[in-house]
Amino acid sequence: MLKPQLYLASGSPRRQELLAQIGVHFERITAPIDETPFLNETAKDYVLRLAKAKAESGWQAMLAQGKQPLPVLAADTTVVLDGQILGKPLDANDAIATLEQLSGRSHEVLTSLGLRTNTGIEIILSLSTVTFMPLSSAQIAAYVASGEPMDKAGSYGIQGRAGLFISDLQGSFSGVMGLPLHDTATLLARHGLGFLAG
């Protein structure tokens, strides 16, 4: 088994799959933080703050657990409509209300990456614009009944059935999933890590 090159401070299966997809060997580390937005905090400031906090939390967990010192990668993704942060749905009714808002409109998806090394933290931001087709009540109900929206920011997963709803995407498909591959590889390469560093 290959030795890990870094720690991934994320419990997201999608981020783990994407990082493995680009050939990065990693070990997952738990980095719980409070993800409540600050009062009047912009979506951009929110995702940048959370990526930084997750990376730092992962770094501190690594030190506390006496693990081999390696860089810690973290990410945060948020969906934004009319300046409003759309988090994970509280329940099915909340998911329906969110999808009704997204129907027939464009929204932004922001994913911030944080890489903590022994010299500090580097933070970058990926911005994508996603446009939904107009959705009927029956389509929204069927999608929510599938259970897919329930653990996802904005109440949808682009890599799943909601991909059918997206009429246009400007930006990074993988960024909307939660880990922009090009930006991630570029960030890692600057620190001598990953496929592009070769």
N, C-alpha and C. Protein backbone atom coordinates (compact mmCIF):
# COMPACT_ATOMS: atom_id res chain seq x y z
N MET A 1 0.84 -1.20 0.00
CA MET A 1 0.00 0.00 0.00
C MET A 1 0.88 1.25 0.00
N LEU A 2 0.54 2.20 -0.85
CA LEU A 2 1.34 3.42 -0.96
C LEU A 2 1.12 4.32 0.26
N LYS A 3 2.17 5.00 0.66
CA LYS A 3 2.08 5.91 1.80
C LYS A 3 1.27 7.14 1.41
N PRO A 4 0.49 7.66 2.36
CA PRO A 4 -0.27 8.87 2.03
C PRO A 4 0.63 10.08 1.82
N GLN A 5 0.22 10.95 0.91
CA GLN A 5 0.94 12.19 0.65
C GLN A 5 0.39 13.34 1.48
N LEU A 6 -0.85 13.17 1.93
CA LEU A 6 -1.49 14.22 2.71
C LEU A 6 -2.67 13.64 3.47
N TYR A 7 -3.23 14.48 4.34
CA TYR A 7 -4.47 14.14 5.04
C TYR A 7 -5.61 14.94 4.42
N LEU A 8 -6.75 14.30 4.25
CA LEU A 8 -7.95 14.97 3.76
C LEU A 8 -8.88 15.20 4.94
N ALA A 9 -9.09 16.46 5.29
CA ALA A 9 -9.96 16.81 6.41
C ALA A 9 -11.40 16.93 5.90
N SER A 10 -11.98 15.80 5.54
CA SER A 10 -13.34 15.79 5.02
C SER A 10 -13.94 14.39 5.16
N GLY A 11 -15.20 14.35 5.53
CA GLY A 11 -15.91 13.08 5.58
C GLY A 11 -16.70 12.81 4.32
N SER A 12 -16.62 13.71 3.34
CA SER A 12 -17.42 13.60 2.12
C SER A 12 -16.92 12.46 1.23
N PRO A 13 -17.77 11.47 0.95
CA PRO A 13 -17.36 10.40 0.04
C PRO A 13 -17.03 10.94 -1.35
N ARG A 14 -17.73 12.00 -1.78
CA ARG A 14 -17.48 12.56 -3.10
C ARG A 14 -16.08 13.17 -3.18
N ARG A 15 -15.68 13.89 -2.14
CA ARG A 15 -14.33 14.47 -2.15
C ARG A 15 -13.27 13.38 -2.12
N GLN A 16 -13.53 12.33 -1.38
CA GLN A 16 -12.57 11.23 -1.32
C GLN A 16 -12.43 10.56 -2.69
N GLU A 17 -13.54 10.36 -3.37
CA GLU A 17 -13.50 9.75 -4.71
C GLU A 17 -12.77 10.64 -5.71
N LEU A 18 -13.02 11.94 -5.64
CA LEU A 18 -12.40 12.87 -6.59
C LEU A 18 -10.89 12.96 -6.35
N LEU A 19 -10.48 13.01 -5.10
CA LEU A 19 -9.06 13.09 -4.80
C LEU A 19 -8.34 11.82 -5.25
N ALA A 20 -8.96 10.67 -5.03
CA ALA A 20 -8.38 9.40 -5.50
C ALA A 20 -8.33 9.36 -7.02
N GLN A 21 -9.32 9.99 -7.67
CA GLN A 21 -9.40 9.99 -9.14
C GLN A 21 -8.16 10.63 -9.76
N ILE A 22 -7.58 11.63 -9.08
CA ILE A 22 -6.40 12.29 -9.65
C ILE A 22 -5.10 11.74 -9.07
N GLY A 23 -5.18 10.54 -8.51
CA GLY A 23 -3.97 9.81 -8.13
C GLY A 23 -3.29 10.28 -6.86
N VAL A 24 -4.02 10.99 -6.00
CA VAL A 24 -3.44 11.44 -4.74
C VAL A 24 -3.69 10.38 -3.67
N HIS A 25 -2.62 9.98 -3.01
CA HIS A 25 -2.73 9.00 -1.93
C HIS A 25 -2.90 9.78 -0.63
N PHE A 26 -3.97 9.49 0.08
CA PHE A 26 -4.30 10.29 1.26
C PHE A 26 -4.89 9.42 2.35
N GLU A 27 -4.90 9.99 3.53
CA GLU A 27 -5.57 9.39 4.67
C GLU A 27 -6.58 10.40 5.17
N ARG A 28 -7.76 9.95 5.49
CA ARG A 28 -8.78 10.87 5.97
C ARG A 28 -8.55 11.19 7.44
N ILE A 29 -8.79 12.44 7.81
CA ILE A 29 -8.68 12.84 9.20
C ILE A 29 -9.93 13.63 9.57
N THR A 30 -10.44 13.40 10.76
CA THR A 30 -11.66 14.07 11.20
C THR A 30 -11.34 15.47 11.70
N ALA A 31 -12.12 16.43 11.21
CA ALA A 31 -11.87 17.83 11.58
C ALA A 31 -13.19 18.55 11.79
N PRO A 32 -13.93 18.22 12.87
CA PRO A 32 -15.23 18.86 13.08
C PRO A 32 -15.08 20.33 13.46
N ILE A 33 -15.90 21.17 12.82
CA ILE A 33 -15.94 22.58 13.17
C ILE A 33 -17.39 23.05 13.14
N ASP A 34 -17.64 24.20 13.72
CA ASP A 34 -18.97 24.81 13.67
C ASP A 34 -19.12 25.48 12.31
N GLU A 35 -20.10 25.06 11.53
CA GLU A 35 -20.27 25.59 10.18
C GLU A 35 -21.38 26.64 10.09
N THR A 36 -21.78 27.20 11.22
CA THR A 36 -22.81 28.22 11.22
C THR A 36 -22.29 29.51 10.60
N PRO A 37 -22.97 30.07 9.61
CA PRO A 37 -22.51 31.35 9.04
C PRO A 37 -22.57 32.46 10.08
N PHE A 38 -21.63 33.40 9.97
CA PHE A 38 -21.68 34.58 10.82
C PHE A 38 -22.79 35.52 10.31
N LEU A 39 -23.26 36.38 11.19
CA LEU A 39 -24.28 37.35 10.82
C LEU A 39 -23.73 38.27 9.72
N ASN A 40 -24.47 38.39 8.63
CA ASN A 40 -24.11 39.25 7.49
C ASN A 40 -22.83 38.80 6.77
N GLU A 41 -22.42 37.56 6.98
CA GLU A 41 -21.23 37.05 6.30
C GLU A 41 -21.57 36.73 4.84
N THR A 42 -20.74 37.17 3.90
CA THR A 42 -21.00 36.84 2.50
C THR A 42 -20.67 35.38 2.25
N ALA A 43 -21.23 34.83 1.17
CA ALA A 43 -20.98 33.43 0.83
C ALA A 43 -19.49 33.20 0.58
N LYS A 44 -18.85 34.15 -0.11
CA LYS A 44 -17.42 34.01 -0.39
C LYS A 44 -16.61 33.96 0.90
N ASP A 45 -16.86 34.90 1.79
CA ASP A 45 -16.14 34.92 3.07
C ASP A 45 -16.42 33.65 3.86
N TYR A 46 -17.65 33.17 3.77
CA TYR A 46 -18.05 31.96 4.50
C TYR A 46 -17.27 30.74 4.05
N VAL A 47 -17.22 30.49 2.74
CA VAL A 47 -16.52 29.28 2.28
C VAL A 47 -15.01 29.39 2.48
N LEU A 48 -14.47 30.59 2.32
CA LEU A 48 -13.03 30.77 2.57
C LEU A 48 -12.71 30.51 4.04
N ARG A 49 -13.55 31.03 4.92
CA ARG A 49 -13.32 30.83 6.36
C ARG A 49 -13.42 29.36 6.74
N LEU A 50 -14.43 28.66 6.20
CA LEU A 50 -14.61 27.26 6.57
C LEU A 50 -13.49 26.37 6.04
N ALA A 51 -13.05 26.61 4.81
CA ALA A 51 -11.94 25.80 4.28
C ALA A 51 -10.70 25.99 5.13
N LYS A 52 -10.44 27.23 5.52
CA LYS A 52 -9.29 27.50 6.38
C LYS A 52 -9.43 26.84 7.74
N ALA A 53 -10.62 26.96 8.33
CA ALA A 53 -10.86 26.38 9.65
C ALA A 53 -10.77 24.85 9.63
N LYS A 54 -11.28 24.23 8.57
CA LYS A 54 -11.21 22.78 8.45
C LYS A 54 -9.77 22.31 8.30
N ALA A 55 -9.00 23.03 7.48
CA ALA A 55 -7.59 22.66 7.29
C ALA A 55 -6.81 22.80 8.59
N GLU A 56 -7.07 23.87 9.31
CA GLU A 56 -6.37 24.09 10.58
C GLU A 56 -6.79 23.06 11.62
N SER A 57 -8.10 22.75 11.65
CA SER A 57 -8.60 21.74 12.58
C SER A 57 -7.98 20.37 12.29
N GLY A 58 -7.86 20.03 11.00
CA GLY A 58 -7.22 18.78 10.62
C GLY A 58 -5.76 18.74 11.01
N TRP A 59 -5.08 19.88 10.85
CA TRP A 59 -3.66 19.98 11.23
C TRP A 59 -3.49 19.76 12.74
N GLN A 60 -4.35 20.41 13.52
CA GLN A 60 -4.27 20.26 14.97
C GLN A 60 -4.60 18.84 15.41
N ALA A 61 -5.57 18.21 14.71
CA ALA A 61 -5.91 16.81 15.02
C ALA A 61 -4.73 15.89 14.71
N MET A 62 -4.04 16.16 13.60
CA MET A 62 -2.86 15.37 13.23
C MET A 62 -1.79 15.46 14.32
N LEU A 63 -1.54 16.67 14.79
CA LEU A 63 -0.53 16.86 15.84
C LEU A 63 -0.96 16.18 17.14
N ALA A 64 -2.23 16.35 17.50
CA ALA A 64 -2.74 15.80 18.76
C ALA A 64 -2.70 14.28 18.76
N GLN A 65 -2.89 13.67 17.58
CA GLN A 65 -2.90 12.21 17.47
C GLN A 65 -1.52 11.62 17.24
N GLY A 66 -0.51 12.49 17.14
CA GLY A 66 0.86 12.02 16.95
C GLY A 66 1.08 11.35 15.61
N LYS A 67 0.30 11.77 14.61
CA LYS A 67 0.44 11.17 13.29
C LYS A 67 1.68 11.72 12.57
N GLN A 68 2.07 11.01 11.52
CA GLN A 68 3.15 11.48 10.68
C GLN A 68 2.79 12.86 10.14
N PRO A 69 3.67 13.85 10.26
CA PRO A 69 3.34 15.20 9.77
C PRO A 69 3.29 15.26 8.25
N LEU A 70 2.10 15.58 7.75
CA LEU A 70 1.87 15.72 6.31
C LEU A 70 0.94 16.91 6.09
N PRO A 71 0.92 17.47 4.88
CA PRO A 71 -0.02 18.55 4.60
C PRO A 71 -1.47 18.09 4.80
N VAL A 72 -2.34 19.04 5.13
CA VAL A 72 -3.75 18.75 5.34
C VAL A 72 -4.56 19.56 4.33
N LEU A 73 -5.38 18.85 3.54
CA LEU A 73 -6.25 19.47 2.54
C LEU A 73 -7.68 19.47 3.06
N ALA A 74 -8.35 20.61 2.90
CA ALA A 74 -9.75 20.72 3.30
C ALA A 74 -10.50 21.50 2.23
N ALA A 75 -11.82 21.37 2.24
CA ALA A 75 -12.64 22.08 1.26
C ALA A 75 -14.00 22.38 1.86
N ASP A 76 -14.63 23.41 1.31
CA ASP A 76 -16.01 23.71 1.67
C ASP A 76 -16.75 24.19 0.43
N THR A 77 -17.99 23.74 0.29
CA THR A 77 -18.80 24.09 -0.87
C THR A 77 -20.12 24.70 -0.40
N THR A 78 -20.52 25.77 -1.06
CA THR A 78 -21.82 26.34 -0.75
C THR A 78 -22.53 26.76 -2.03
N VAL A 79 -23.84 26.68 -2.00
CA VAL A 79 -24.70 27.08 -3.11
C VAL A 79 -25.30 28.43 -2.76
N VAL A 80 -25.29 29.35 -3.72
CA VAL A 80 -25.72 30.72 -3.45
C VAL A 80 -26.74 31.16 -4.49
N LEU A 81 -27.87 31.66 -4.01
CA LEU A 81 -28.91 32.20 -4.89
C LEU A 81 -29.32 33.57 -4.36
N ASP A 82 -29.20 34.59 -5.20
CA ASP A 82 -29.55 35.96 -4.80
C ASP A 82 -28.81 36.38 -3.52
N GLY A 83 -27.56 35.95 -3.42
CA GLY A 83 -26.75 36.31 -2.26
C GLY A 83 -27.02 35.50 -1.02
N GLN A 84 -27.99 34.58 -1.09
CA GLN A 84 -28.37 33.77 0.07
C GLN A 84 -27.69 32.41 0.01
N ILE A 85 -27.09 32.00 1.12
CA ILE A 85 -26.45 30.69 1.22
C ILE A 85 -27.51 29.62 1.38
N LEU A 86 -27.50 28.64 0.49
CA LEU A 86 -28.44 27.52 0.57
C LEU A 86 -27.69 26.29 1.09
N GLY A 87 -27.86 25.99 2.34
CA GLY A 87 -27.15 24.88 2.95
C GLY A 87 -27.83 23.54 2.70
N LYS A 88 -27.46 22.56 3.49
CA LYS A 88 -28.09 21.25 3.38
C LYS A 88 -29.52 21.35 3.92
N PRO A 89 -30.47 20.65 3.30
CA PRO A 89 -31.87 20.77 3.74
C PRO A 89 -32.10 20.19 5.12
N LEU A 90 -33.00 20.82 5.86
CA LEU A 90 -33.34 20.34 7.19
C LEU A 90 -34.21 19.09 7.12
N ASP A 91 -35.08 19.05 6.09
CA ASP A 91 -35.99 17.92 5.90
C ASP A 91 -36.49 17.96 4.45
N ALA A 92 -37.40 17.06 4.12
CA ALA A 92 -37.90 16.96 2.75
C ALA A 92 -38.59 18.24 2.31
N ASN A 93 -39.37 18.85 3.19
CA ASN A 93 -40.07 20.09 2.83
C ASN A 93 -39.08 21.22 2.53
N ASP A 94 -38.01 21.27 3.30
CA ASP A 94 -36.97 22.28 3.06
C ASP A 94 -36.30 22.04 1.71
N ALA A 95 -36.05 20.77 1.38
CA ALA A 95 -35.44 20.43 0.08
C ALA A 95 -36.37 20.85 -1.06
N ILE A 96 -37.66 20.59 -0.92
CA ILE A 96 -38.63 20.98 -1.95
C ILE A 96 -38.62 22.50 -2.14
N ALA A 97 -38.63 23.24 -1.03
CA ALA A 97 -38.64 24.70 -1.11
C ALA A 97 -37.38 25.22 -1.81
N THR A 98 -36.24 24.60 -1.51
CA THR A 98 -34.98 25.02 -2.14
C THR A 98 -35.00 24.75 -3.63
N LEU A 99 -35.44 23.58 -4.02
CA LEU A 99 -35.48 23.22 -5.45
C LEU A 99 -36.48 24.09 -6.21
N GLU A 100 -37.56 24.48 -5.55
CA GLU A 100 -38.51 25.41 -6.18
C GLU A 100 -37.84 26.75 -6.45
N GLN A 101 -36.97 27.17 -5.54
CA GLN A 101 -36.23 28.42 -5.74
C GLN A 101 -35.24 28.31 -6.91
N LEU A 102 -34.59 27.15 -7.04
CA LEU A 102 -33.56 26.96 -8.07
C LEU A 102 -34.17 26.74 -9.46
N SER A 103 -35.41 26.28 -9.50
CA SER A 103 -36.07 25.93 -10.76
C SER A 103 -36.06 27.08 -11.76
N GLY A 104 -35.54 26.79 -12.97
CA GLY A 104 -35.57 27.76 -14.06
C GLY A 104 -34.63 28.94 -13.88
N ARG A 105 -33.70 28.84 -12.97
CA ARG A 105 -32.82 29.97 -12.68
C ARG A 105 -31.34 29.54 -12.63
N SER A 106 -30.46 30.53 -12.64
CA SER A 106 -29.03 30.29 -12.46
C SER A 106 -28.63 30.62 -11.03
N HIS A 107 -27.68 29.86 -10.51
CA HIS A 107 -27.15 30.12 -9.18
C HIS A 107 -25.64 29.87 -9.19
N GLU A 108 -24.99 30.27 -8.15
CA GLU A 108 -23.54 30.08 -8.05
C GLU A 108 -23.22 28.97 -7.07
N VAL A 109 -22.13 28.27 -7.37
CA VAL A 109 -21.59 27.29 -6.45
C VAL A 109 -20.14 27.68 -6.17
N LEU A 110 -19.84 27.90 -4.92
CA LEU A 110 -18.49 28.29 -4.50
C LEU A 110 -17.86 27.13 -3.74
N THR A 111 -16.67 26.74 -4.16
CA THR A 111 -15.90 25.75 -3.42
C THR A 111 -14.54 26.35 -3.11
N SER A 112 -14.21 26.37 -1.83
CA SER A 112 -12.92 26.87 -1.39
C SER A 112 -12.06 25.70 -0.94
N LEU A 113 -10.77 25.77 -1.28
CA LEU A 113 -9.80 24.77 -0.87
C LEU A 113 -8.81 25.39 0.09
N GLY A 114 -8.44 24.64 1.11
CA GLY A 114 -7.40 25.08 2.03
C GLY A 114 -6.35 24.00 2.17
N LEU A 115 -5.08 24.36 2.00
CA LEU A 115 -3.99 23.40 2.19
C LEU A 115 -3.09 23.92 3.32
N ARG A 116 -3.06 23.19 4.42
CA ARG A 116 -2.23 23.56 5.58
C ARG A 116 -0.93 22.76 5.53
N THR A 117 0.17 23.48 5.54
CA THR A 117 1.50 22.85 5.58
C THR A 117 2.24 23.42 6.78
N ASN A 118 3.48 23.01 6.96
CA ASN A 118 4.23 23.52 8.11
C ASN A 118 4.65 24.98 7.93
N THR A 119 4.37 25.55 6.75
CA THR A 119 4.69 26.96 6.53
C THR A 119 3.46 27.86 6.56
N GLY A 120 2.28 27.27 6.72
CA GLY A 120 1.06 28.08 6.77
C GLY A 120 -0.07 27.46 5.97
N ILE A 121 -1.08 28.28 5.65
CA ILE A 121 -2.25 27.82 4.91
C ILE A 121 -2.40 28.61 3.62
N GLU A 122 -2.62 27.89 2.51
CA GLU A 122 -2.96 28.55 1.25
C GLU A 122 -4.42 28.25 0.94
N ILE A 123 -5.17 29.29 0.59
CA ILE A 123 -6.60 29.16 0.33
C ILE A 123 -6.88 29.60 -1.11
N ILE A 124 -7.67 28.83 -1.85
CA ILE A 124 -8.10 29.24 -3.19
C ILE A 124 -9.61 29.03 -3.32
N LEU A 125 -10.20 29.70 -4.32
CA LEU A 125 -11.66 29.66 -4.49
C LEU A 125 -12.02 29.31 -5.92
N SER A 126 -12.96 28.39 -6.08
CA SER A 126 -13.51 28.01 -7.38
C SER A 126 -14.96 28.47 -7.44
N LEU A 127 -15.31 29.15 -8.54
CA LEU A 127 -16.68 29.66 -8.70
C LEU A 127 -17.29 29.10 -9.98
N SER A 128 -18.47 28.51 -9.86
CA SER A 128 -19.19 27.97 -11.01
C SER A 128 -20.61 28.53 -11.02
N THR A 129 -21.17 28.65 -12.22
CA THR A 129 -22.56 29.09 -12.37
C THR A 129 -23.36 27.94 -12.97
N VAL A 130 -24.42 27.57 -12.29
CA VAL A 130 -25.25 26.42 -12.68
C VAL A 130 -26.66 26.92 -13.00
N THR A 131 -27.20 26.48 -14.14
CA THR A 131 -28.56 26.87 -14.52
C THR A 131 -29.46 25.63 -14.53
N PHE A 132 -30.56 25.73 -13.83
CA PHE A 132 -31.55 24.66 -13.79
C PHE A 132 -32.63 24.91 -14.84
N MET A 133 -33.12 23.86 -15.45
CA MET A 133 -34.32 23.93 -16.28
C MET A 133 -35.52 24.20 -15.37
N PRO A 134 -36.62 24.67 -15.91
CA PRO A 134 -37.83 24.78 -15.09
C PRO A 134 -38.28 23.38 -14.63
N LEU A 135 -38.56 23.24 -13.36
CA LEU A 135 -38.94 21.95 -12.80
C LEU A 135 -40.41 21.95 -12.40
N SER A 136 -41.09 20.85 -12.69
CA SER A 136 -42.47 20.71 -12.25
C SER A 136 -42.51 20.23 -10.80
N SER A 137 -43.65 20.41 -10.17
CA SER A 137 -43.81 19.94 -8.79
C SER A 137 -43.59 18.43 -8.70
N ALA A 138 -44.04 17.70 -9.73
CA ALA A 138 -43.88 16.24 -9.73
C ALA A 138 -42.40 15.86 -9.83
N GLN A 139 -41.64 16.58 -10.66
CA GLN A 139 -40.21 16.29 -10.80
C GLN A 139 -39.47 16.56 -9.49
N ILE A 140 -39.81 17.67 -8.85
CA ILE A 140 -39.18 17.99 -7.57
C ILE A 140 -39.54 16.95 -6.52
N ALA A 141 -40.81 16.58 -6.45
CA ALA A 141 -41.25 15.59 -5.46
C ALA A 141 -40.56 14.25 -5.66
N ALA A 142 -40.45 13.81 -6.93
CA ALA A 142 -39.81 12.53 -7.21
C ALA A 142 -38.33 12.57 -6.84
N TYR A 143 -37.67 13.70 -7.10
CA TYR A 143 -36.25 13.81 -6.78
C TYR A 143 -36.04 13.80 -5.27
N VAL A 144 -36.84 14.54 -4.55
CA VAL A 144 -36.71 14.57 -3.09
C VAL A 144 -37.01 13.19 -2.51
N ALA A 145 -38.01 12.49 -3.07
CA ALA A 145 -38.35 11.15 -2.60
C ALA A 145 -37.21 10.16 -2.79
N SER A 146 -36.32 10.44 -3.74
CA SER A 146 -35.17 9.55 -3.96
C SER A 146 -34.17 9.61 -2.81
N GLY A 147 -34.25 10.65 -2.00
CA GLY A 147 -33.33 10.81 -0.87
C GLY A 147 -32.02 11.49 -1.22
N GLU A 148 -31.77 11.66 -2.50
CA GLU A 148 -30.48 12.19 -2.93
C GLU A 148 -30.17 13.60 -2.41
N PRO A 149 -31.17 14.48 -2.30
CA PRO A 149 -30.85 15.86 -1.90
C PRO A 149 -30.46 16.04 -0.44
N MET A 150 -30.71 15.04 0.40
CA MET A 150 -30.79 15.30 1.83
C MET A 150 -29.47 15.65 2.52
N ASP A 151 -28.33 15.29 1.95
CA ASP A 151 -27.06 15.62 2.62
C ASP A 151 -26.21 16.57 1.78
N LYS A 152 -26.87 17.32 0.87
CA LYS A 152 -26.13 18.13 -0.08
C LYS A 152 -26.52 19.60 -0.01
N ALA A 153 -25.50 20.45 -0.07
CA ALA A 153 -25.75 21.89 -0.13
C ALA A 153 -26.60 22.20 -1.35
N GLY A 154 -27.62 23.04 -1.16
CA GLY A 154 -28.50 23.38 -2.27
C GLY A 154 -29.51 22.31 -2.59
N SER A 155 -29.52 21.23 -1.84
CA SER A 155 -30.50 20.14 -1.99
C SER A 155 -30.38 19.40 -3.32
N TYR A 156 -29.17 19.35 -3.90
CA TYR A 156 -29.00 18.54 -5.11
C TYR A 156 -27.56 18.09 -5.26
N GLY A 157 -27.39 17.00 -6.01
CA GLY A 157 -26.06 16.51 -6.35
C GLY A 157 -25.92 16.47 -7.86
N ILE A 158 -24.98 17.23 -8.39
CA ILE A 158 -24.81 17.33 -9.84
C ILE A 158 -24.42 15.99 -10.45
N GLN A 159 -23.73 15.15 -9.66
CA GLN A 159 -23.25 13.88 -10.18
C GLN A 159 -24.33 12.81 -10.16
N GLY A 160 -25.51 13.14 -9.61
CA GLY A 160 -26.60 12.17 -9.52
C GLY A 160 -27.73 12.52 -10.46
N ARG A 161 -28.95 12.24 -10.01
CA ARG A 161 -30.12 12.46 -10.87
C ARG A 161 -30.34 13.94 -11.20
N ALA A 162 -29.87 14.82 -10.33
CA ALA A 162 -30.06 16.26 -10.58
C ALA A 162 -29.27 16.72 -11.81
N GLY A 163 -28.33 15.92 -12.26
CA GLY A 163 -27.64 16.26 -13.50
C GLY A 163 -28.60 16.42 -14.66
N LEU A 164 -29.74 15.77 -14.58
CA LEU A 164 -30.78 15.89 -15.62
C LEU A 164 -31.41 17.27 -15.64
N PHE A 165 -31.36 17.97 -14.51
CA PHE A 165 -32.02 19.26 -14.39
C PHE A 165 -31.15 20.41 -14.90
N ILE A 166 -29.87 20.16 -15.09
CA ILE A 166 -28.93 21.25 -15.35
C ILE A 166 -28.81 21.51 -16.85
N SER A 167 -29.30 22.67 -17.27
CA SER A 167 -29.29 23.01 -18.69
C SER A 167 -28.00 23.72 -19.10
N ASP A 168 -27.29 24.27 -18.12
CA ASP A 168 -26.03 24.95 -18.45
C ASP A 168 -25.12 24.98 -17.23
N LEU A 169 -23.83 24.84 -17.49
CA LEU A 169 -22.83 24.91 -16.43
C LEU A 169 -21.63 25.69 -16.93
N GLN A 170 -21.28 26.73 -16.21
CA GLN A 170 -20.07 27.49 -16.51
C GLN A 170 -19.16 27.38 -15.30
N GLY A 171 -18.01 26.75 -15.51
CA GLY A 171 -17.09 26.55 -14.39
C GLY A 171 -16.67 25.10 -14.30
N SER A 172 -16.59 24.59 -13.09
CA SER A 172 -16.03 23.26 -12.83
C SER A 172 -17.11 22.28 -12.36
N PHE A 173 -17.33 21.23 -13.15
CA PHE A 173 -18.27 20.18 -12.75
C PHE A 173 -17.85 19.58 -11.42
N SER A 174 -16.55 19.24 -11.31
CA SER A 174 -16.07 18.62 -10.06
C SER A 174 -16.10 19.62 -8.91
N GLY A 175 -15.97 20.92 -9.24
CA GLY A 175 -16.08 21.94 -8.20
C GLY A 175 -17.47 21.98 -7.61
N VAL A 176 -18.48 21.80 -8.45
CA VAL A 176 -19.86 21.75 -7.97
C VAL A 176 -20.07 20.50 -7.12
N MET A 177 -19.37 19.43 -7.46
CA MET A 177 -19.43 18.21 -6.64
C MET A 177 -18.79 18.40 -5.28
N GLY A 178 -17.80 19.30 -5.21
CA GLY A 178 -17.17 19.56 -3.92
C GLY A 178 -15.66 19.61 -3.92
N LEU A 179 -15.02 19.31 -5.08
CA LEU A 179 -13.56 19.36 -5.14
C LEU A 179 -13.13 19.64 -6.59
N PRO A 180 -12.87 20.90 -6.93
CA PRO A 180 -12.47 21.22 -8.31
C PRO A 180 -11.12 20.59 -8.64
N LEU A 181 -11.12 19.64 -9.56
CA LEU A 181 -9.92 18.82 -9.78
C LEU A 181 -8.74 19.62 -10.30
N HIS A 182 -8.97 20.50 -11.28
CA HIS A 182 -7.85 21.27 -11.82
C HIS A 182 -7.25 22.18 -10.74
N ASP A 183 -8.11 22.88 -10.03
CA ASP A 183 -7.63 23.78 -8.98
C ASP A 183 -6.91 23.01 -7.87
N THR A 184 -7.46 21.83 -7.52
CA THR A 184 -6.84 21.01 -6.48
C THR A 184 -5.46 20.55 -6.91
N ALA A 185 -5.36 20.03 -8.14
CA ALA A 185 -4.07 19.55 -8.64
C ALA A 185 -3.05 20.67 -8.73
N THR A 186 -3.50 21.85 -9.15
CA THR A 186 -2.61 23.01 -9.27
C THR A 186 -2.11 23.45 -7.89
N LEU A 187 -3.02 23.50 -6.92
CA LEU A 187 -2.65 23.86 -5.56
C LEU A 187 -1.64 22.86 -4.99
N LEU A 188 -1.91 21.59 -5.16
CA LEU A 188 -1.00 20.57 -4.62
C LEU A 188 0.36 20.64 -5.30
N ALA A 189 0.36 20.87 -6.62
CA ALA A 189 1.62 20.92 -7.37
C ALA A 189 2.53 22.03 -6.87
N ARG A 190 1.92 23.15 -6.44
CA ARG A 190 2.73 24.25 -5.91
C ARG A 190 3.48 23.85 -4.64
N HIS A 191 3.01 22.77 -4.03
CA HIS A 191 3.66 22.29 -2.80
C HIS A 191 4.34 20.94 -3.03
N GLY A 192 4.60 20.63 -4.30
CA GLY A 192 5.34 19.41 -4.63
C GLY A 192 4.55 18.14 -4.48
N LEU A 193 3.22 18.24 -4.56
CA LEU A 193 2.35 17.08 -4.34
C LEU A 193 1.53 16.79 -5.59
N GLY A 194 1.15 15.52 -5.76
CA GLY A 194 0.20 15.14 -6.80
C GLY A 194 0.81 14.96 -8.17
N PHE A 195 -0.08 14.64 -9.10
CA PHE A 195 0.29 14.25 -10.46
C PHE A 195 0.98 15.38 -11.22
N LEU A 196 0.48 16.61 -11.09
CA LEU A 196 1.06 17.73 -11.84
C LEU A 196 2.42 18.13 -11.32
N ALA A 197 2.76 17.71 -10.11
CA ALA A 197 4.07 18.06 -9.54
C ALA A 197 5.19 17.28 -10.20
N GLY A 198 4.82 16.16 -10.85
CA GLY A 198 5.83 15.32 -11.47
C GLY A 198 6.51 16.02 -12.62
